Protein backbone atom coordinates (compact mmCIF):
# COMPACT_ATOMS: atom_id res chain seq x y z
CA MET A 1 243.38 -119.64 -101.35
CA ASN A 2 244.12 -123.59 -101.09
CA LEU A 3 242.98 -124.84 -97.26
CA ASP A 4 246.07 -126.64 -97.29
CA ASP A 5 248.30 -123.84 -97.43
CA GLY A 6 247.68 -123.08 -94.06
CA PRO A 7 246.41 -119.71 -92.41
CA LEU A 8 247.93 -116.42 -94.04
CA ASP A 9 250.20 -114.37 -92.17
CA PRO A 10 248.36 -111.78 -90.55
CA PHE A 11 251.18 -108.76 -91.22
CA LEU A 12 251.30 -110.11 -95.05
CA ASP A 13 253.03 -106.90 -96.60
CA ASP A 14 252.41 -104.94 -93.51
CA PRO A 15 255.56 -102.62 -93.44
CA SER A 16 254.83 -102.39 -89.31
CA ASP A 17 255.58 -106.05 -89.13
CA PRO A 18 257.20 -106.65 -85.78
CA ALA A 19 258.62 -109.73 -87.16
CA ALA A 20 260.68 -106.92 -89.44
CA LEU A 21 262.74 -106.38 -86.16
CA LEU A 22 263.77 -110.42 -85.62
CA ASP A 23 267.24 -110.29 -87.98
CA ASP A 24 267.26 -113.65 -90.02
CA HIS A 25 270.76 -114.93 -89.25
CA GLU A 26 270.74 -118.35 -90.94
CA PRO A 27 268.75 -117.69 -94.37
CA ALA A 28 266.90 -121.00 -95.57
CA GLN A 29 269.36 -123.26 -97.19
CA PRO A 30 267.55 -125.35 -100.05
CA LEU A 31 266.80 -129.28 -99.47
CA SER A 32 269.28 -131.82 -100.89
CA ASP A 33 268.11 -134.19 -102.99
CA ASP A 34 268.17 -136.59 -100.16
CA GLU A 35 265.51 -134.39 -97.68
CA ARG A 36 263.66 -133.36 -100.81
CA ALA A 37 263.32 -136.76 -101.26
CA ASP A 38 262.51 -137.72 -97.24
CA VAL A 39 260.33 -134.53 -97.02
CA LEU A 40 257.93 -135.82 -100.04
CA ALA A 41 257.79 -139.09 -98.32
CA ASP A 42 256.65 -137.65 -95.18
CA LEU A 43 253.87 -135.94 -97.10
CA ALA A 44 252.78 -139.25 -98.30
CA GLU A 45 252.91 -140.85 -95.16
CA LEU A 46 251.35 -138.02 -93.71
CA GLY A 47 248.12 -138.56 -96.25
CA GLU A 48 247.83 -142.08 -95.03
CA PHE A 49 248.08 -141.34 -91.13
CA ARG A 50 245.01 -138.50 -92.23
CA THR A 51 242.83 -140.98 -93.83
CA THR A 52 243.40 -143.87 -91.27
CA LEU A 53 243.55 -141.57 -88.37
CA ASP A 54 241.05 -138.99 -88.93
CA PRO A 55 238.26 -141.47 -88.89
CA GLN A 56 239.11 -142.67 -85.46
CA GLY A 57 238.65 -139.21 -84.13
CA ILE A 58 242.48 -137.93 -84.38
CA ASP A 59 243.30 -134.12 -85.43
CA GLY A 60 246.82 -134.63 -86.37
CA ILE A 61 250.07 -134.82 -84.77
CA THR A 62 251.81 -133.60 -81.57
CA VAL A 63 255.79 -132.74 -81.74
CA GLU A 64 258.04 -132.07 -79.00
CA CYS A 65 259.75 -129.05 -79.53
CA GLY A 66 263.56 -129.14 -79.58
CA ASP A 67 263.66 -125.12 -78.02
CA CYS A 68 261.29 -125.99 -75.29
CA GLY A 69 260.48 -128.58 -74.81
CA GLU A 70 256.60 -128.52 -74.46
CA GLN A 71 254.21 -130.78 -76.86
CA HIS A 72 253.44 -128.57 -79.79
CA PHE A 73 250.25 -129.76 -81.95
CA PHE A 74 249.81 -129.68 -85.58
CA GLY A 75 246.23 -129.84 -87.37
CA TRP A 76 246.70 -132.68 -90.04
CA ASP A 77 246.03 -129.56 -92.69
CA LEU A 78 248.90 -127.26 -91.21
CA MET A 79 251.64 -130.10 -91.06
CA ALA A 80 251.18 -130.83 -94.12
CA ALA A 81 251.21 -127.19 -95.18
CA ASN A 82 254.84 -127.14 -93.01
CA LEU A 83 255.98 -129.55 -94.75
CA ARG A 84 255.08 -127.95 -97.80
CA ALA A 85 256.93 -125.23 -97.02
CA LEU A 86 260.20 -127.10 -96.10
CA LEU A 87 259.75 -128.21 -100.40
CA GLY A 88 259.04 -124.42 -101.43
CA GLU A 89 261.38 -122.32 -99.30
CA GLY A 90 263.73 -124.63 -97.17
CA ARG A 91 261.64 -124.14 -93.77
CA THR A 92 258.86 -123.73 -92.13
CA HIS A 93 256.31 -121.16 -91.74
CA VAL A 94 255.36 -119.45 -88.50
CA HIS A 95 251.95 -119.99 -86.37
CA GLU A 96 250.16 -119.17 -83.98
CA PRO A 97 250.37 -122.50 -81.45
CA ALA A 98 246.43 -124.65 -81.48
CA PHE A 99 244.32 -123.04 -79.16
CA ALA A 100 243.16 -125.31 -76.10
CA PRO A 101 243.84 -128.66 -78.25
CA ASP A 102 242.82 -131.79 -76.85
CA PRO A 103 245.88 -133.76 -76.25
CA GLU A 104 243.91 -136.81 -76.49
CA ALA A 105 243.28 -135.80 -80.17
CA TYR A 106 246.68 -136.20 -81.30
CA VAL A 107 249.50 -138.78 -81.62
CA THR A 108 253.21 -138.73 -82.37
CA TRP A 109 254.59 -139.29 -86.00
CA ASP A 110 255.85 -143.10 -84.41
CA TYR A 111 252.22 -143.49 -83.08
CA ALA A 112 250.57 -142.53 -86.44
CA ARG A 113 252.61 -144.57 -88.39
CA GLY A 114 252.57 -147.94 -86.48
CA TYR A 115 248.93 -147.61 -86.10
CA THR A 116 248.49 -147.15 -89.98
CA ASP A 117 251.20 -150.13 -90.43
CA ALA A 118 248.81 -152.34 -88.42
CA VAL A 119 245.70 -151.78 -90.22
CA ASN A 120 247.28 -151.64 -93.37
CA THR A 121 248.71 -155.50 -92.39
CA LEU A 122 245.24 -156.06 -91.08
CA THR A 123 243.09 -155.01 -93.90
CA LYS A 124 246.22 -156.86 -96.55
CA ARG A 125 244.95 -159.97 -94.36
CA HIS A 126 241.60 -160.29 -95.47
């Protein structure tokens, strides 16, 4: 298993998987060429974020959930696995929420972009 693929589904190949009770009313649609290009760009950008922010003690990205309104915390590997799942399957995998994440160790995508851009600008000047 590639660590970047995220955790394995604990019910994989289990005929009594509780998720089998859920109807999939909206099957995943393939990404358009533009959507695919956007996800590939996000993956590349995420790699830059990790390279820049991981040494600063940042563990990943936080995202406000549109369904529950709460912050969800994604480590670098899990966020990358979600983006790769979008590329391959058109949707992200179901996963367990982070266990007792330290909110101080996660930043928003916009913060990560701004911080990384600032570091890259300063590096180019010197």
